[in-house]
């Protein structure tokens, strides 16, 4: 397998699907948050892409700095409790629109074949 395959996949997602812009537009109901919603959702998205079974497994991956090639050294990662609390109060309309945009782009790029 090629080296840095996962980093290339993240760059592809950012360039083609504009995932970073969609994540930056997400909002939640937290009051005076320490971390932006995008800082909390991005590690969760990575966990989803890697098919991580639980938040505890994601917690250990974040603690062991397994995403060091993706996040800069200056970026402080939120705790798993912060991720869990944010997911509970995140606004679903933003997630829905981001998902719709991603699926439309995938159809345009012929990743999926539409069957009518």
PDB file of N, CA and C in Angstrom:
ATOM      1  N   UNK A   1       0.845  -1.179   0.000  1.00  0.00           N
ATOM      2  CA  UNK A   1       0.000   0.000   0.000  1.00  0.00           C
ATOM      3  C   UNK A   1       0.890   1.242   0.000  1.00  0.00           C
ATOM      4  N   UNK A   2       0.425   2.295  -0.660  1.00  0.00           N
ATOM      5  CA  UNK A   2       1.209   3.521  -0.749  1.00  0.00           C
ATOM      6  C   UNK A   2       1.317   4.207   0.607  1.00  0.00           C
ATOM      7  N   UNK A   3       2.423   4.913   0.782  1.00  0.00           N
ATOM      8  CA  UNK A   3       2.607   5.673   2.015  1.00  0.00           C
ATOM      9  C   UNK A   3       1.704   6.900   1.987  1.00  0.00           C
ATOM     10  N   UNK A   4       1.287   7.330   3.155  1.00  0.00           N
ATOM     11  CA  UNK A   4       0.460   8.524   3.330  1.00  0.00           C
ATOM     12  C   UNK A   4      -0.857   8.448   2.554  1.00  0.00           C
ATOM     13  N   UNK A   5      -1.380   7.263   2.382  1.00  0.00           N
ATOM     14  CA  UNK A   5      -2.633   7.092   1.659  1.00  0.00           C
ATOM     15  C   UNK A   5      -3.767   7.846   2.344  1.00  0.00           C
ATOM     16  N   UNK A   6      -3.811   7.787   3.656  1.00  0.00           N
ATOM     17  CA  UNK A   6      -4.881   8.441   4.401  1.00  0.00           C
ATOM     18  C   UNK A   6      -4.775   9.957   4.283  1.00  0.00           C
ATOM     19  N   UNK A   7      -3.566  10.482   4.315  1.00  0.00           N
ATOM     20  CA  UNK A   7      -3.367  11.929   4.173  1.00  0.00           C
ATOM     21  C   UNK A   7      -3.820  12.372   2.781  1.00  0.00           C
ATOM     22  N   UNK A   8      -3.535  11.578   1.776  1.00  0.00           N
ATOM     23  CA  UNK A   8      -3.982  11.896   0.414  1.00  0.00           C
ATOM     24  C   UNK A   8      -5.499  11.871   0.316  1.00  0.00           C
ATOM     25  N   UNK A   9      -6.126  10.946   1.012  1.00  0.00           N
ATOM     26  CA  UNK A   9      -7.580  10.876   1.017  1.00  0.00           C
ATOM     27  C   UNK A   9      -8.186  12.124   1.654  1.00  0.00           C
ATOM     28  N   UNK A  10      -7.604  12.592   2.741  1.00  0.00           N
ATOM     29  CA  UNK A  10      -8.089  13.803   3.407  1.00  0.00           C
ATOM     30  C   UNK A  10      -7.943  15.005   2.481  1.00  0.00           C
ATOM     31  N   UNK A  11      -6.806  15.122   1.797  1.00  0.00           N
ATOM     32  CA  UNK A  11      -6.606  16.225   0.859  1.00  0.00           C
ATOM     33  C   UNK A  11      -7.624  16.162  -0.274  1.00  0.00           C
ATOM     34  N   UNK A  12      -7.916  14.958  -0.758  1.00  0.00           N
ATOM     35  CA  UNK A  12      -8.907  14.775  -1.809  1.00  0.00           C
ATOM     36  C   UNK A  12     -10.279  15.231  -1.323  1.00  0.00           C
ATOM     37  N   UNK A  13     -10.644  14.856  -0.109  1.00  0.00           N
ATOM     38  CA  UNK A  13     -11.936  15.265   0.445  1.00  0.00           C
ATOM     39  C   UNK A  13     -12.028  16.780   0.561  1.00  0.00           C
ATOM     40  N   UNK A  14     -10.934  17.400   0.978  1.00  0.00           N
ATOM     41  CA  UNK A  14     -10.937  18.854   1.131  1.00  0.00           C
ATOM     42  C   UNK A  14     -11.025  19.556  -0.219  1.00  0.00           C
ATOM     43  N   UNK A  15     -10.306  19.047  -1.214  1.00  0.00           N
ATOM     44  CA  UNK A  15     -10.267  19.712  -2.516  1.00  0.00           C
ATOM     45  C   UNK A  15     -11.506  19.453  -3.358  1.00  0.00           C
ATOM     46  N   UNK A  16     -11.945  18.216  -3.438  1.00  0.00           N
ATOM     47  CA  UNK A  16     -13.045  17.861  -4.336  1.00  0.00           C
ATOM     48  C   UNK A  16     -14.403  18.095  -3.684  1.00  0.00           C
ATOM     49  N   UNK A  17     -14.578  17.630  -2.480  1.00  0.00           N
ATOM     50  CA  UNK A  17     -15.884  17.700  -1.824  1.00  0.00           C
ATOM     51  C   UNK A  17     -16.041  18.910  -0.920  1.00  0.00           C
ATOM     52  N   UNK A  18     -14.969  19.665  -0.725  1.00  0.00           N
ATOM     53  CA  UNK A  18     -15.003  20.877   0.090  1.00  0.00           C
ATOM     54  C   UNK A  18     -15.561  20.594   1.489  1.00  0.00           C
ATOM     55  N   UNK A  19     -15.134  19.482   2.052  1.00  0.00           N
ATOM     56  CA  UNK A  19     -15.604  19.040   3.369  1.00  0.00           C
ATOM     57  C   UNK A  19     -15.254  20.059   4.454  1.00  0.00           C
ATOM     58  N   UNK A  20     -14.085  20.647   4.352  1.00  0.00           N
ATOM     59  CA  UNK A  20     -13.636  21.590   5.378  1.00  0.00           C
ATOM     60  C   UNK A  20     -14.586  22.784   5.473  1.00  0.00           C
ATOM     61  N   UNK A  21     -15.055  23.272   4.342  1.00  0.00           N
ATOM     62  CA  UNK A  21     -15.995  24.395   4.336  1.00  0.00           C
ATOM     63  C   UNK A  21     -17.315  23.987   4.996  1.00  0.00           C
ATOM     64  N   UNK A  22     -17.783  22.791   4.680  1.00  0.00           N
ATOM     65  CA  UNK A  22     -19.023  22.311   5.281  1.00  0.00           C
ATOM     66  C   UNK A  22     -18.907  22.122   6.785  1.00  0.00           C
ATOM     67  N   UNK A  23     -17.780  21.603   7.221  1.00  0.00           N
ATOM     68  CA  UNK A  23     -17.572  21.394   8.657  1.00  0.00           C
ATOM     69  C   UNK A  23     -17.462  22.725   9.382  1.00  0.00           C
ATOM     70  N   UNK A  24     -16.823  23.716   8.754  1.00  0.00           N
ATOM     71  CA  UNK A  24     -16.687  25.026   9.386  1.00  0.00           C
ATOM     72  C   UNK A  24     -18.023  25.741   9.538  1.00  0.00           C
ATOM     73  N   UNK A  25     -19.009  25.395   8.729  1.00  0.00           N
ATOM     74  CA  UNK A  25     -20.329  26.019   8.809  1.00  0.00           C
ATOM     75  C   UNK A  25     -21.222  25.375   9.866  1.00  0.00           C
ATOM     76  N   UNK A  26     -20.827  24.237  10.419  1.00  0.00           N
ATOM     77  CA  UNK A  26     -21.656  23.563  11.422  1.00  0.00           C
ATOM     78  C   UNK A  26     -21.714  24.371  12.705  1.00  0.00           C
ATOM     79  N   UNK A  27     -22.870  24.318  13.352  1.00  0.00           N
ATOM     80  CA  UNK A  27     -23.059  25.001  14.630  1.00  0.00           C
ATOM     81  C   UNK A  27     -23.683  24.033  15.626  1.00  0.00           C
ATOM     82  N   UNK A  28     -23.605  24.415  16.884  1.00  0.00           N
ATOM     83  CA  UNK A  28     -24.211  23.606  17.939  1.00  0.00           C
ATOM     84  C   UNK A  28     -24.743  24.525  19.020  1.00  0.00           C
ATOM     85  N   UNK A  29     -25.335  23.937  20.042  1.00  0.00           N
ATOM     86  CA  UNK A  29     -25.979  24.713  21.091  1.00  0.00           C
ATOM     87  C   UNK A  29     -25.141  24.941  22.335  1.00  0.00           C
ATOM     88  N   UNK A  30     -23.836  24.723  22.257  1.00  0.00           N
ATOM     89  CA  UNK A  30     -23.010  24.916  23.439  1.00  0.00           C
ATOM     90  C   UNK A  30     -22.853  26.402  23.753  1.00  0.00           C
ATOM     91  N   UNK A  31     -22.718  26.724  25.034  1.00  0.00           N
ATOM     92  CA  UNK A  31     -22.512  28.101  25.472  1.00  0.00           C
ATOM     93  C   UNK A  31     -21.048  28.269  25.831  1.00  0.00           C
ATOM     94  N   UNK A  32     -20.409  29.286  25.263  1.00  0.00           N
ATOM     95  CA  UNK A  32     -18.991  29.572  25.478  1.00  0.00           C
ATOM     96  C   UNK A  32     -18.102  28.333  25.282  1.00  0.00           C
ATOM     97  N   UNK A  33     -18.107  27.762  24.097  1.00  0.00           N
ATOM     98  CA  UNK A  33     -17.317  26.545  23.880  1.00  0.00           C
ATOM     99  C   UNK A  33     -15.818  26.832  23.839  1.00  0.00           C
ATOM    100  N   UNK A  34     -15.045  25.905  24.332  1.00  0.00           N
ATOM    101  CA  UNK A  34     -13.588  26.013  24.305  1.00  0.00           C
ATOM    102  C   UNK A  34     -13.064  25.682  22.910  1.00  0.00           C
ATOM    103  N   UNK A  35     -13.721  24.751  22.230  1.00  0.00           N
ATOM    104  CA  UNK A  35     -13.331  24.320  20.893  1.00  0.00           C
ATOM    105  C   UNK A  35     -14.427  24.687  19.905  1.00  0.00           C
ATOM    106  N   UNK A  36     -14.026  25.022  18.693  1.00  0.00           N
ATOM    107  CA  UNK A  36     -14.990  25.258  17.629  1.00  0.00           C
ATOM    108  C   UNK A  36     -15.659  23.935  17.280  1.00  0.00           C
ATOM    109  N   UNK A  37     -16.831  24.034  16.713  1.00  0.00           N
ATOM    110  CA  UNK A  37     -17.551  22.824  16.313  1.00  0.00           C
ATOM    111  C   UNK A  37     -16.746  22.033  15.294  1.00  0.00           C
ATOM    112  N   UNK A  38     -16.059  22.725  14.396  1.00  0.00           N
ATOM    113  CA  UNK A  38     -15.273  22.041  13.371  1.00  0.00           C
ATOM    114  C   UNK A  38     -14.117  21.251  13.986  1.00  0.00           C
ATOM    115  N   UNK A  39     -13.517  21.759  15.053  1.00  0.00           N
ATOM    116  CA  UNK A  39     -12.426  21.049  15.720  1.00  0.00           C
ATOM    117  C   UNK A  39     -12.914  19.773  16.382  1.00  0.00           C
ATOM    118  N   UNK A  40     -14.169  19.745  16.746  1.00  0.00           N
ATOM    119  CA  UNK A  40     -14.738  18.583  17.419  1.00  0.00           C
ATOM    120  C   UNK A  40     -15.235  17.550  16.412  1.00  0.00           C
ATOM    121  N   UNK A  41     -15.817  18.022  15.314  1.00  0.00           N
ATOM    122  CA  UNK A  41     -16.435  17.121  14.350  1.00  0.00           C
ATOM    123  C   UNK A  41     -15.397  16.424  13.466  1.00  0.00           C
ATOM    124  N   UNK A  42     -14.307  17.103  13.140  1.00  0.00           N
ATOM    125  CA  UNK A  42     -13.326  16.523  12.227  1.00  0.00           C
ATOM    126  C   UNK A  42     -12.715  15.217  12.751  1.00  0.00           C
ATOM    127  N   UNK A  43     -12.280  15.121  14.021  1.00  0.00           N
ATOM    128  CA  UNK A  43     -11.794  13.819  14.506  1.00  0.00           C
ATOM    129  C   UNK A  43     -12.873  12.735  14.468  1.00  0.00           C
ATOM    130  N   UNK A  44     -14.113  13.132  14.681  1.00  0.00           N
ATOM    131  CA  UNK A  44     -15.213  12.177  14.614  1.00  0.00           C
ATOM    132  C   UNK A  44     -15.411  11.681  13.180  1.00  0.00           C
ATOM    133  N   UNK A  45     -15.273  12.580  12.214  1.00  0.00           N
ATOM    134  CA  UNK A  45     -15.354  12.188  10.812  1.00  0.00           C
ATOM    135  C   UNK A  45     -14.228  11.222  10.453  1.00  0.00           C
ATOM    136  N   UNK A  46     -13.030  11.487  10.948  1.00  0.00           N
ATOM    137  CA  UNK A  46     -11.913  10.576  10.699  1.00  0.00           C
ATOM    138  C   UNK A  46     -12.187   9.203  11.289  1.00  0.00           C
ATOM    139  N   UNK A  47     -12.739   9.181  12.487  1.00  0.00           N
ATOM    140  CA  UNK A  47     -13.097   7.910  13.107  1.00  0.00           C
ATOM    141  C   UNK A  47     -14.135   7.160  12.310  1.00  0.00           C
ATOM    142  N   UNK A  48     -15.081   7.890  11.753  1.00  0.00           N
ATOM    143  CA  UNK A  48     -16.107   7.261  10.911  1.00  0.00           C
ATOM    144  C   UNK A  48     -15.477   6.664   9.652  1.00  0.00           C
ATOM    145  N   UNK A  49     -14.557   7.408   9.049  1.00  0.00           N
ATOM    146  CA  UNK A  49     -13.902   6.925   7.830  1.00  0.00           C
ATOM    147  C   UNK A  49     -13.054   5.683   8.093  1.00  0.00           C
ATOM    148  N   UNK A  50     -12.454   5.619   9.262  1.00  0.00           N
ATOM    149  CA  UNK A  50     -11.611   4.477   9.603  1.00  0.00           C
ATOM    150  C   UNK A  50     -12.400   3.318  10.200  1.00  0.00           C
ATOM    151  N   UNK A  51     -13.705   3.489  10.299  1.00  0.00           N
ATOM    152  CA  UNK A  51     -14.597   2.461  10.854  1.00  0.00           C
ATOM    153  C   UNK A  51     -14.232   2.096  12.290  1.00  0.00           C
ATOM    154  N   UNK A  52     -13.970   3.108  13.076  1.00  0.00           N
ATOM    155  CA  UNK A  52     -13.670   2.902  14.485  1.00  0.00           C
ATOM    156  C   UNK A  52     -14.957   2.469  15.180  1.00  0.00           C
ATOM    157  N   UNK A  53     -14.868   1.451  15.998  1.00  0.00           N
ATOM    158  CA  UNK A  53     -16.039   0.818  16.589  1.00  0.00           C
ATOM    159  C   UNK A  53     -16.700   1.641  17.696  1.00  0.00           C
ATOM    160  N   UNK A  54     -15.920   2.428  18.440  1.00  0.00           N
ATOM    161  CA  UNK A  54     -16.497   3.142  19.580  1.00  0.00           C
ATOM    162  C   UNK A  54     -15.750   4.449  19.807  1.00  0.00           C
ATOM    163  N   UNK A  55     -16.357   5.291  20.625  1.00  0.00           N
ATOM    164  CA  UNK A  55     -15.691   6.538  20.991  1.00  0.00           C
ATOM    165  C   UNK A  55     -14.468   6.270  21.871  1.00  0.00           C
ATOM    166  N   UNK A  56     -14.497   5.190  22.630  1.00  0.00           N
ATOM    167  CA  UNK A  56     -13.327   4.852  23.449  1.00  0.00           C
ATOM    168  C   UNK A  56     -12.123   4.525  22.574  1.00  0.00           C
ATOM    169  N   UNK A  57     -12.358   3.827  21.490  1.00  0.00           N
ATOM    170  CA  UNK A  57     -11.266   3.514  20.568  1.00  0.00           C
ATOM    171  C   UNK A  57     -10.725   4.800  19.924  1.00  0.00           C
ATOM    172  N   UNK A  58     -11.630   5.723  19.577  1.00  0.00           N
ATOM    173  CA  UNK A  58     -11.209   7.018  19.046  1.00  0.00           C
ATOM    174  C   UNK A  58     -10.404   7.793  20.087  1.00  0.00           C
ATOM    175  N   UNK A  59     -10.828   7.698  21.327  1.00  0.00           N
ATOM    176  CA  UNK A  59     -10.120   8.369  22.425  1.00  0.00           C
ATOM    177  C   UNK A  59      -8.674   7.894  22.508  1.00  0.00           C
ATOM    178  N   UNK A  60      -8.461   6.589  22.424  1.00  0.00           N
ATOM    179  CA  UNK A  60      -7.101   6.059  22.503  1.00  0.00           C
ATOM    180  C   UNK A  60      -6.279   6.445  21.280  1.00  0.00           C
ATOM    181  N   UNK A  61      -6.911   6.507  20.126  1.00  0.00           N
ATOM    182  CA  UNK A  61      -6.190   6.921  18.922  1.00  0.00           C
ATOM    183  C   UNK A  61      -5.763   8.386  19.019  1.00  0.00           C
ATOM    184  N   UNK A  62      -6.624   9.231  19.576  1.00  0.00           N
ATOM    185  CA  UNK A  62      -6.271  10.631  19.759  1.00  0.00           C
ATOM    186  C   UNK A  62      -5.169  10.795  20.800  1.00  0.00           C
ATOM    187  N   UNK A  63      -5.230  10.009  21.872  1.00  0.00           N
ATOM    188  CA  UNK A  63      -4.204  10.088  22.916  1.00  0.00           C
ATOM    189  C   UNK A  63      -2.853   9.616  22.417  1.00  0.00           C
ATOM    190  N   UNK A  64      -2.852   8.605  21.561  1.00  0.00           N
ATOM    191  CA  UNK A  64      -1.597   8.070  21.036  1.00  0.00           C
ATOM    192  C   UNK A  64      -1.103   8.856  19.827  1.00  0.00           C
ATOM    193  N   UNK A  65      -1.808   9.937  19.500  1.00  0.00           N
ATOM    194  CA  UNK A  65      -1.396  10.848  18.435  1.00  0.00           C
ATOM    195  C   UNK A  65      -1.277  10.129  17.092  1.00  0.00           C
ATOM    196  N   UNK A  66      -2.224   9.269  16.782  1.00  0.00           N
ATOM    197  CA  UNK A  66      -2.184   8.516  15.534  1.00  0.00           C
ATOM    198  C   UNK A  66      -2.555   9.360  14.326  1.00  0.00           C
ATOM    199  N   UNK A  67      -3.101  10.549  14.549  1.00  0.00           N
ATOM    200  CA  UNK A  67      -3.460  11.435  13.455  1.00  0.00           C
ATOM    201  C   UNK A  67      -2.455  12.578  13.324  1.00  0.00           C
ATOM    202  N   UNK A  68      -1.219  12.344  13.691  1.00  0.00           N
ATOM    203  CA  UNK A  68      -0.217  13.410  13.714  1.00  0.00           C
ATOM    204  C   UNK A  68       0.069  13.977  12.327  1.00  0.00           C
ATOM    205  N   UNK A  69      -0.102  13.190  11.263  1.00  0.00           N
ATOM    206  CA  UNK A  69       0.141  13.697   9.913  1.00  0.00           C
ATOM    207  C   UNK A  69      -1.015  14.548   9.400  1.00  0.00           C
ATOM    208  N   UNK A  70      -2.147  14.486  10.048  1.00  0.00           N
ATOM    209  CA  UNK A  70      -3.326  15.210   9.584  1.00  0.00           C
ATOM    210  C   UNK A  70      -3.489  16.530  10.330  1.00  0.00           C
ATOM    211  N   UNK A  71      -3.300  16.503  11.637  1.00  0.00           N
ATOM    212  CA  UNK A  71      -3.423  17.712  12.442  1.00  0.00           C
ATOM    213  C   UNK A  71      -2.050  18.321  12.659  1.00  0.00           C
ATOM    214  N   UNK A  72      -2.003  19.641  12.708  1.00  0.00           N
ATOM    215  CA  UNK A  72      -0.731  20.297  12.993  1.00  0.00           C
ATOM    216  C   UNK A  72      -0.361  20.091  14.465  1.00  0.00           C
ATOM    217  N   UNK A  73       0.895  20.289  14.775  1.00  0.00           N
ATOM    218  CA  UNK A  73       1.358  20.092  16.151  1.00  0.00           C
ATOM    219  C   UNK A  73       0.750  21.126  17.097  1.00  0.00           C
ATOM    220  N   UNK A  74       0.366  22.270  16.560  1.00  0.00           N
ATOM    221  CA  UNK A  74      -0.200  23.330  17.401  1.00  0.00           C
ATOM    222  C   UNK A  74      -1.662  23.066  17.750  1.00  0.00           C
ATOM    223  N   UNK A  75      -2.312  22.195  17.012  1.00  0.00           N
ATOM    224  CA  UNK A  75      -3.721  21.918  17.241  1.00  0.00           C
ATOM    225  C   UNK A  75      -3.898  21.064  18.488  1.00  0.00           C
ATOM    226  N   UNK A  76      -4.690  21.561  19.405  1.00  0.00           N
ATOM    227  CA  UNK A  76      -5.005  20.812  20.615  1.00  0.00           C
ATOM    228  C   UNK A  76      -6.312  20.076  20.357  1.00  0.00           C
ATOM    229  N   UNK A  77      -6.289  18.778  20.524  1.00  0.00           N
ATOM    230  CA  UNK A  77      -7.456  17.955  20.240  1.00  0.00           C
ATOM    231  C   UNK A  77      -8.416  17.969  21.430  1.00  0.00           C
ATOM    232  N   UNK A  78      -9.714  18.027  21.153  1.00  0.00           N
ATOM    233  CA  UNK A  78     -10.694  17.990  22.238  1.00  0.00           C
ATOM    234  C   UNK A  78     -10.752  16.607  22.868  1.00  0.00           C
ATOM    235  N   UNK A  79     -11.213  16.587  24.088  1.00  0.00           N
ATOM    236  CA  UNK A  79     -11.371  15.302  24.767  1.00  0.00           C
ATOM    237  C   UNK A  79     -12.577  14.573  24.202  1.00  0.00           C
ATOM    238  N   UNK A  80     -12.655  13.310  24.480  1.00  0.00           N
ATOM    239  CA  UNK A  80     -13.768  12.508  23.962  1.00  0.00           C
ATOM    240  C   UNK A  80     -15.082  12.948  24.605  1.00  0.00           C
ATOM    241  N   UNK A  81     -15.030  13.469  25.834  1.00  0.00           N
ATOM    242  CA  UNK A  81     -16.239  13.986  26.481  1.00  0.00           C
ATOM    243  C   UNK A  81     -16.771  15.211  25.739  1.00  0.00           C
ATOM    244  N   UNK A  82     -15.870  16.072  25.279  1.00  0.00           N
ATOM    245  CA  UNK A  82     -16.272  17.242  24.503  1.00  0.00           C
ATOM    246  C   UNK A  82     -16.907  16.813  23.189  1.00  0.00           C
ATOM    247  N   UNK A  83     -16.324  15.810  22.552  1.00  0.00           N
ATOM    248  CA  UNK A  83     -16.882  15.297  21.303  1.00  0.00           C
ATOM    249  C   UNK A  83     -18.274  14.735  21.541  1.00  0.00           C
ATOM    250  N   UNK A  84     -18.419  13.972  22.589  1.00  0.00           N
ATOM    251  CA  UNK A  84     -19.724  13.366  22.919  1.00  0.00           C
ATOM    252  C   UNK A  84     -20.768  14.439  23.218  1.00  0.00           C
ATOM    253  N   UNK A  85     -20.399  15.463  23.989  1.00  0.00           N
ATOM    254  CA  UNK A  85     -21.345  16.521  24.332  1.00  0.00           C
ATOM    255  C   UNK A  85     -21.741  17.340  23.097  1.00  0.00           C
ATOM    256  N   UNK A  86     -20.795  17.576  22.214  1.00  0.00           N
ATOM    257  CA  UNK A  86     -21.082  18.353  21.012  1.00  0.00           C
ATOM    258  C   UNK A  86     -22.006  17.595  20.075  1.00  0.00           C
ATOM    259  N   UNK A  87     -21.786  16.300  19.940  1.00  0.00           N
ATOM    260  CA  UNK A  87     -22.641  15.494  19.069  1.00  0.00           C
ATOM    261  C   UNK A  87     -24.083  15.499  19.578  1.00  0.00           C
ATOM    262  N   UNK A  88     -24.265  15.593  20.868  1.00  0.00           N
ATOM    263  CA  UNK A  88     -25.617  15.615  21.435  1.00  0.00           C
ATOM    264  C   UNK A  88     -26.376  16.895  21.106  1.00  0.00           C
ATOM    265  N   UNK A  89     -25.667  18.021  20.901  1.00  0.00           N
ATOM    266  CA  UNK A  89     -26.348  19.300  20.706  1.00  0.00           C
ATOM    267  C   UNK A  89     -26.113  19.908  19.324  1.00  0.00           C
ATOM    268  N   UNK A  90     -25.471  19.194  18.421  1.00  0.00           N
ATOM    269  CA  UNK A  90     -25.180  19.750  17.097  1.00  0.00           C
ATOM    270  C   UNK A  90     -26.471  19.909  16.305  1.00  0.00           C
ATOM    271  N   UNK A  91     -26.529  20.953  15.485  1.00  0.00           N
ATOM    272  CA  UNK A  91     -27.715  21.199  14.679  1.00  0.00           C
ATOM    273  C   UNK A  91     -27.725  20.278  13.468  1.00  0.00           C
ATOM    274  N   UNK A  92     -28.785  19.544  13.319  1.00  0.00           N
ATOM    275  CA  UNK A  92     -28.893  18.537  12.265  1.00  0.00           C
ATOM    276  C   UNK A  92     -29.045  19.138  10.871  1.00  0.00           C
ATOM    277  N   UNK A  93     -29.590  20.348  10.765  1.00  0.00           N
ATOM    278  CA  UNK A  93     -29.776  20.947   9.441  1.00  0.00           C
ATOM    279  C   UNK A  93     -28.440  21.181   8.741  1.00  0.00           C
ATOM    280  N   UNK A  94     -27.437  21.582   9.486  1.00  0.00           N
ATOM    281  CA  UNK A  94     -26.108  21.782   8.908  1.00  0.00           C
ATOM    282  C   UNK A  94     -25.500  20.478   8.427  1.00  0.00           C
ATOM    283  N   UNK A  95     -25.657  19.422   9.228  1.00  0.00           N
ATOM    284  CA  UNK A  95     -25.157  18.111   8.821  1.00  0.00           C
ATOM    285  C   UNK A  95     -25.898  17.599   7.589  1.00  0.00           C
ATOM    286  N   UNK A  96     -27.207  17.823   7.566  1.00  0.00           N
ATOM    287  CA  UNK A  96     -28.010  17.364   6.441  1.00  0.00           C
ATOM    288  C   UNK A  96     -27.605  18.063   5.156  1.00  0.00           C
ATOM    289  N   UNK A  97     -27.403  19.376   5.200  1.00  0.00           N
ATOM    290  CA  UNK A  97     -27.009  20.101   3.995  1.00  0.00           C
ATOM    291  C   UNK A  97     -25.607  19.706   3.542  1.00  0.00           C
ATOM    292  N   UNK A  98     -24.703  19.462   4.483  1.00  0.00           N
ATOM    293  CA  UNK A  98     -23.356  19.021   4.129  1.00  0.00           C
ATOM    294  C   UNK A  98     -23.394  17.652   3.463  1.00  0.00           C
ATOM    295  N   UNK A  99     -24.218  16.756   3.982  1.00  0.00           N
ATOM    296  CA  UNK A  99     -24.366  15.429   3.401  1.00  0.00           C
ATOM    297  C   UNK A  99     -24.980  15.499   2.009  1.00  0.00           C
ATOM    298  N   UNK A 100     -25.993  16.337   1.842  1.00  0.00           N
ATOM    299  CA  UNK A 100     -26.618  16.489   0.535  1.00  0.00           C
ATOM    300  C   UNK A 100     -25.623  17.015  -0.497  1.00  0.00           C
ATOM    301  N   UNK A 101     -24.827  18.002  -0.098  1.00  0.00           N
ATOM    302  CA  UNK A 101     -23.816  18.551  -1.004  1.00  0.00           C
ATOM    303  C   UNK A 101     -22.798  17.480  -1.397  1.00  0.00           C
ATOM    304  N   UNK A 102     -22.377  16.680  -0.436  1.00  0.00           N
ATOM    305  CA  UNK A 102     -21.388  15.639  -0.697  1.00  0.00           C
ATOM    306  C   UNK A 102     -21.941  14.576  -1.638  1.00  0.00           C
ATOM    307  N   UNK A 103     -23.172  14.172  -1.429  1.00  0.00           N
ATOM    308  CA  UNK A 103     -23.778  13.156  -2.287  1.00  0.00           C
ATOM    309  C   UNK A 103     -23.991  13.705  -3.696  1.00  0.00           C
ATOM    310  N   UNK A 104     -24.451  14.952  -3.807  1.00  0.00           N
ATOM    311  CA  UNK A 104     -24.624  15.554  -5.130  1.00  0.00           C
ATOM    312  C   UNK A 104     -23.299  15.625  -5.888  1.00  0.00           C
ATOM    313  N   UNK A 105     -22.233  15.984  -5.182  1.00  0.00           N
ATOM    314  CA  UNK A 105     -20.915  16.062  -5.812  1.00  0.00           C
ATOM    315  C   UNK A 105     -20.445  14.676  -6.229  1.00  0.00           C
ATOM    316  N   UNK A 106     -20.707  13.686  -5.408  1.00  0.00           N
ATOM    317  CA  UNK A 106     -20.313  12.324  -5.744  1.00  0.00           C
ATOM    318  C   UNK A 106     -21.074  11.827  -6.971  1.00  0.00           C
ATOM    319  N   UNK A 107     -22.330  12.181  -7.090  1.00  0.00           N
ATOM    320  CA  UNK A 107     -23.113  11.800  -8.265  1.00  0.00           C
ATOM    321  C   UNK A 107     -22.584  12.529  -9.496  1.00  0.00           C
ATOM    322  N   UNK A 108     -22.265  13.813  -9.346  1.00  0.00           N
ATOM    323  CA  UNK A 108     -21.703  14.581 -10.459  1.00  0.00           C
ATOM    324  C   UNK A 108     -20.377  13.991 -10.923  1.00  0.00           C
ATOM    325  N   UNK A 109     -19.566  13.538  -9.972  1.00  0.00           N
ATOM    326  CA  UNK A 109     -18.262  12.950 -10.296  1.00  0.00           C
ATOM    327  C   UNK A 109     -18.376  11.491 -10.703  1.00  0.00           C
ATOM    328  N   UNK A 110     -19.602  11.001 -10.795  1.00  0.00           N
ATOM    329  CA  UNK A 110     -19.895   9.617 -11.210  1.00  0.00           C
ATOM    330  C   UNK A 110     -19.283   8.577 -10.279  1.00  0.00           C
ATOM    331  N   UNK A 111     -19.263   8.904  -8.993  1.00  0.00           N
ATOM    332  CA  UNK A 111     -18.843   7.940  -7.989  1.00  0.00           C
ATOM    333  C   UNK A 111     -19.961   6.927  -7.778  1.00  0.00           C
ATOM    334  N   UNK A 112     -21.196   7.428  -7.784  1.00  0.00           N
ATOM    335  CA  UNK A 112     -22.374   6.582  -7.664  1.00  0.00           C
ATOM    336  C   UNK A 112     -23.094   6.556  -9.005  1.00  0.00           C
ATOM    337  N   UNK A 113     -23.735   5.473  -9.282  1.00  0.00           N
ATOM    338  CA  UNK A 113     -24.539   5.375 -10.488  1.00  0.00           C
ATOM    339  C   UNK A 113     -26.001   5.457 -10.097  1.00  0.00           C
ATOM    340  N   UNK A 114     -26.692   6.417 -10.663  1.00  0.00           N
ATOM    341  CA  UNK A 114     -28.110   6.571 -10.363  1.00  0.00           C
ATOM    342  C   UNK A 114     -28.913   5.591 -11.183  1.00  0.00           C
ATOM    343  N   UNK A 115     -29.811   4.930 -10.540  1.00  0.00           N
ATOM    344  CA  UNK A 115     -30.720   4.009 -11.217  1.00  0.00           C
ATOM    345  C   UNK A 115     -32.120   4.592 -11.121  1.00  0.00           C
ATOM    346  N   UNK A 116     -32.683   4.914 -12.233  1.00  0.00           N
ATOM    347  CA  UNK A 116     -34.023   5.497 -12.243  1.00  0.00           C
ATOM    348  C   UNK A 116     -35.050   4.451 -12.499  1.00  0.00           C
TER     349      UNK A 116
END
